[in-house]
Amino acid sequence: MALFGRRRNRDEDEEPTSVPADADADEGFPVPVEAPDGPYDEEDEPDDEQPRLDLGSIRVPVPDGAQLQVEMDPAGPVRAVHVLTPVGQITLNAYAAPRSGGLWREVCGELAEQLRGDGASVRSHAGDWGQELGATLGEATLRFIGVDGPRWMLRGVVATRPELVDPATAALRDMIRGTVVVRGDSPMPVRTPLQIDLPRAIAEHIAAQNAEQQQQ
């Protein structure tokens, strides 16, 4: 199941097409009166001494006791790093976005359409940064949260059990709130995933595991 949406080729500064995200939602999603401090652009990274896992394009606060699961693309690059917590699996990714923002609303509509096409029950929710998407597919419950930043969009998703959706959503929001996005200055087409780079220790561990498996 594709969880991001159909990719289109267009210039970075081109305005996104407005796609209504009407997944069983009330009309409109109010912007919070007092928006959360994070996520942060690299230029605004706080000096809060909070430990963050440096993944190149994103620096993510990982909860104590969490485990990491790395998803590799068959061609070699890292596709995603999943954070496994007691309440669910959390995944954050950042993407290039237009200067004018608004990409998350467009993606919301596409996600709702795709999830429904896969047989999921989909609802929209008002969250800390505006609209969130919730979906139930089989025994799994998903919550998607997106934040539009300066020339980037951060998208997070947590997969959990129905009875854990509230603490799982809270954990996802906390992780998003503490994340730093490193967009860089290079021009990129809208929706291009920002590259994920593993810390050396993790990359060496994965390489050692792969070599051991090949010897067996």
Protein backbone atom coordinates (compact mmCIF):
# COMPACT_ATOMS: atom_id res chain seq x y z
CA MET A 1 0.00 0.00 0.00
CA ALA A 2 1.47 3.36 -0.99
CA LEU A 3 1.20 5.74 1.94
CA PHE A 4 2.41 8.98 0.41
CA GLY A 5 0.38 9.53 -2.71
CA ARG A 6 0.93 9.75 -6.41
CA ARG A 7 4.04 11.68 -7.34
CA ARG A 8 3.84 14.34 -10.02
CA ASN A 9 6.65 16.06 -11.87
CA ARG A 10 6.61 19.82 -11.51
CA ASP A 11 8.84 22.69 -10.56
CA GLU A 12 9.57 23.27 -6.89
CA ASP A 13 7.91 26.68 -6.80
CA GLU A 14 4.76 25.65 -8.61
CA GLU A 15 1.59 25.99 -6.57
CA PRO A 16 0.07 22.66 -5.44
CA THR A 17 -3.36 21.78 -6.72
CA SER A 18 -5.98 21.99 -3.99
CA VAL A 19 -7.48 18.57 -3.30
CA PRO A 20 -10.29 18.51 -0.72
CA ALA A 21 -9.44 16.18 2.15
CA ASP A 22 -13.04 15.33 2.94
CA ALA A 23 -12.50 12.00 4.66
CA ASP A 24 -15.71 11.96 6.73
CA ALA A 25 -14.60 15.26 8.21
CA ASP A 26 -16.25 18.33 9.58
CA GLU A 27 -15.89 21.32 7.28
CA GLY A 28 -12.62 23.15 7.87
CA PHE A 29 -9.79 22.48 10.27
CA PRO A 30 -8.96 25.46 12.48
CA VAL A 31 -5.35 26.49 12.80
CA PRO A 32 -4.33 26.27 16.48
CA VAL A 33 -4.44 29.62 18.29
CA GLU A 34 -0.99 28.90 19.69
CA ALA A 35 0.93 26.66 17.32
CA PRO A 36 3.40 24.13 18.77
CA ASP A 37 7.04 25.18 18.84
CA GLY A 38 8.22 22.36 16.60
CA PRO A 39 9.05 20.78 14.27
CA TYR A 40 12.01 23.01 13.58
CA ASP A 41 13.85 24.08 10.49
CA GLU A 42 17.60 23.60 10.74
CA GLU A 43 18.10 27.34 11.13
CA ASP A 44 15.77 27.36 14.14
CA GLU A 45 17.08 24.25 15.90
CA PRO A 46 16.72 24.86 19.66
CA ASP A 47 19.60 24.62 22.08
CA ASP A 48 17.59 22.36 24.37
CA GLU A 49 20.17 19.57 24.87
CA GLN A 50 17.56 17.04 23.78
CA PRO A 51 19.27 14.01 22.22
CA ARG A 52 18.23 13.47 18.61
CA LEU A 53 19.05 10.71 16.16
CA ASP A 54 20.74 12.34 13.16
CA LEU A 55 19.32 10.82 9.97
CA GLY A 56 20.66 13.48 7.63
CA SER A 57 17.48 15.18 6.49
CA ILE A 58 15.78 14.82 9.87
CA ARG A 59 17.01 14.79 13.45
CA VAL A 60 14.56 12.82 15.52
CA PRO A 61 14.11 12.54 19.29
CA VAL A 62 13.87 8.81 20.00
CA PRO A 63 12.04 7.74 23.19
CA ASP A 64 13.93 5.74 25.78
CA GLY A 65 13.60 2.02 25.22
CA ALA A 66 12.58 2.35 21.57
CA GLN A 67 14.10 0.17 18.87
CA LEU A 68 14.96 1.07 15.28
CA GLN A 69 14.00 -0.81 12.16
CA VAL A 70 15.64 0.28 8.90
CA GLU A 71 13.79 -0.19 5.60
CA MET A 72 16.17 -0.34 2.66
CA ASP A 73 15.29 0.31 -0.97
CA PRO A 74 16.25 -2.58 -3.27
CA ALA A 75 18.57 -0.16 -5.08
CA GLY A 76 20.44 0.53 -1.87
CA PRO A 77 19.30 3.86 -0.34
CA VAL A 78 17.46 3.98 2.97
CA ARG A 79 13.73 4.25 2.42
CA ALA A 80 12.64 4.78 6.02
CA VAL A 81 13.67 4.36 9.63
CA HIS A 82 10.86 3.05 11.84
CA VAL A 83 10.88 3.73 15.57
CA LEU A 84 9.34 0.81 17.46
CA THR A 85 7.77 1.90 20.75
CA PRO A 86 5.50 0.10 23.24
CA VAL A 87 2.48 1.93 21.79
CA GLY A 88 3.21 1.52 18.09
CA GLN A 89 5.55 1.93 15.14
CA ILE A 90 6.37 5.55 14.29
CA THR A 91 7.83 6.68 10.98
CA LEU A 92 8.86 10.21 9.98
CA ASN A 93 9.87 11.39 6.53
CA ALA A 94 10.52 14.82 5.07
CA TYR A 95 9.83 15.97 1.50
CA ALA A 96 10.60 18.97 -0.66
CA ALA A 97 7.65 21.36 -0.80
CA PRO A 98 6.75 24.62 -2.54
CA ARG A 99 7.64 27.93 -0.93
CA SER A 100 3.95 28.73 -0.60
CA GLY A 101 3.29 25.66 1.57
CA GLY A 102 -0.02 23.81 1.51
CA LEU A 103 1.37 20.47 0.36
CA TRP A 104 0.04 18.54 3.35
CA ARG A 105 -3.58 19.39 2.54
CA GLU A 106 -3.12 18.09 -0.99
CA VAL A 107 -1.48 14.90 0.27
CA CYS A 108 -4.28 14.38 2.80
CA GLY A 109 -6.86 14.10 0.05
CA GLU A 110 -4.77 11.60 -1.87
CA LEU A 111 -4.03 9.52 1.22
CA ALA A 112 -7.72 9.35 2.11
CA GLU A 113 -8.53 8.21 -1.43
CA GLN A 114 -5.80 5.57 -1.47
CA LEU A 115 -6.62 4.21 1.96
CA ARG A 116 -10.29 3.91 1.11
CA GLY A 117 -9.34 2.13 -2.09
CA ASP A 118 -7.46 -0.40 0.05
CA GLY A 119 -10.60 -0.98 2.09
CA ALA A 120 -9.74 1.19 5.09
CA SER A 121 -12.18 3.20 7.14
CA VAL A 122 -10.87 6.79 7.08
CA ARG A 123 -11.65 9.82 9.20
CA SER A 124 -10.13 13.30 9.51
CA HIS A 125 -9.29 14.87 12.85
CA ALA A 126 -8.27 18.35 13.99
CA GLY A 127 -4.84 18.18 15.60
CA ASP A 128 -2.02 20.37 16.87
CA TRP A 129 -0.96 21.45 13.36
CA GLY A 130 -4.35 21.30 11.69
CA GLN A 131 -5.70 18.28 9.87
CA GLU A 132 -4.76 14.71 10.74
CA LEU A 133 -5.93 11.48 9.12
CA GLY A 134 -6.97 8.37 10.99
CA ALA A 135 -7.52 5.02 9.31
CA THR A 136 -8.51 1.53 10.36
CA LEU A 137 -7.45 -1.35 8.14
CA GLY A 138 -8.04 -4.84 9.48
CA GLU A 139 -6.58 -5.01 12.98
CA ALA A 140 -4.30 -2.01 12.45
CA THR A 141 -5.04 1.61 13.24
CA LEU A 142 -3.04 4.38 11.53
CA ARG A 143 -2.72 8.08 12.32
CA PHE A 144 -1.07 10.44 9.82
CA ILE A 145 0.15 13.92 10.75
CA GLY A 146 1.75 16.42 8.39
CA VAL A 147 3.41 19.79 8.95
CA ASP A 148 4.25 22.33 6.25
CA GLY A 149 7.60 24.03 6.84
CA PRO A 150 9.82 26.39 4.83
CA ARG A 151 10.25 24.51 1.52
CA TRP A 152 9.68 21.16 3.25
CA MET A 153 6.87 19.03 4.54
CA LEU A 154 7.28 16.62 7.43
CA ARG A 155 4.95 13.64 7.51
CA GLY A 156 4.61 11.19 10.35
CA VAL A 157 2.57 8.04 10.75
CA VAL A 158 2.04 5.69 13.66
CA ALA A 159 0.70 2.15 13.25
CA THR A 160 -0.85 0.69 16.37
CA ARG A 161 -3.71 -1.34 17.80
CA PRO A 162 -7.15 0.28 18.15
CA GLU A 163 -7.00 0.35 21.96
CA LEU A 164 -3.65 2.21 21.87
CA VAL A 165 -4.55 4.91 19.34
CA ASP A 166 -4.65 7.77 21.90
CA PRO A 167 -1.21 7.18 23.49
CA ALA A 168 0.21 6.29 20.07
CA THR A 169 -1.02 9.56 18.59
CA ALA A 170 0.40 11.47 21.55
CA ALA A 171 3.77 9.76 21.04
CA LEU A 172 3.73 10.66 17.34
CA ARG A 173 2.94 14.30 18.12
CA ASP A 174 5.76 14.46 20.68
CA MET A 175 8.25 13.07 18.18
CA ILE A 176 7.14 15.48 15.47
CA ARG A 177 7.28 18.40 17.88
CA GLY A 178 10.93 17.70 18.69
CA THR A 179 12.12 16.92 15.16
CA VAL A 180 14.52 19.13 13.20
CA VAL A 181 14.29 19.12 9.38
CA VAL A 182 17.45 19.71 7.33
CA ARG A 183 16.15 20.76 3.90
CA GLY A 184 19.36 22.05 2.35
CA ASP A 185 19.56 24.67 -0.40
CA SER A 186 19.52 22.44 -3.48
CA PRO A 187 16.51 22.85 -5.80
CA MET A 188 14.27 19.78 -5.83
CA PRO A 189 10.96 18.90 -7.44
CA VAL A 190 8.01 19.06 -5.09
CA ARG A 191 7.46 15.79 -3.18
CA THR A 192 11.03 14.59 -3.54
CA PRO A 193 11.86 12.61 -0.38
CA LEU A 194 14.74 14.19 1.50
CA GLN A 195 17.62 11.74 1.75
CA ILE A 196 17.95 9.65 4.88
CA ASP A 197 21.52 8.95 6.00
CA LEU A 198 22.22 6.44 8.76
CA PRO A 199 24.69 7.18 11.54
CA ARG A 200 27.95 5.30 10.99
CA ALA A 201 27.42 2.90 13.90
CA ILE A 202 24.00 1.84 12.61
CA ALA A 203 25.21 1.54 9.01
CA GLU A 204 28.15 -0.63 10.08
CA HIS A 205 25.87 -2.83 12.18
CA ILE A 206 23.53 -3.40 9.22
CA ALA A 207 26.46 -4.12 6.92
CA ALA A 208 27.80 -6.69 9.39
CA GLN A 209 24.40 -8.35 9.63
CA ASN A 210 24.09 -8.53 5.84
CA ALA A 211 27.58 -10.02 5.52
CA GLU A 212 26.75 -12.64 8.16
CA GLN A 213 23.54 -13.59 6.36
CA GLN A 214 25.36 -13.98 3.07
CA GLN A 215 27.88 -16.35 4.67
CA GLN A 216 25.16 -18.59 6.05
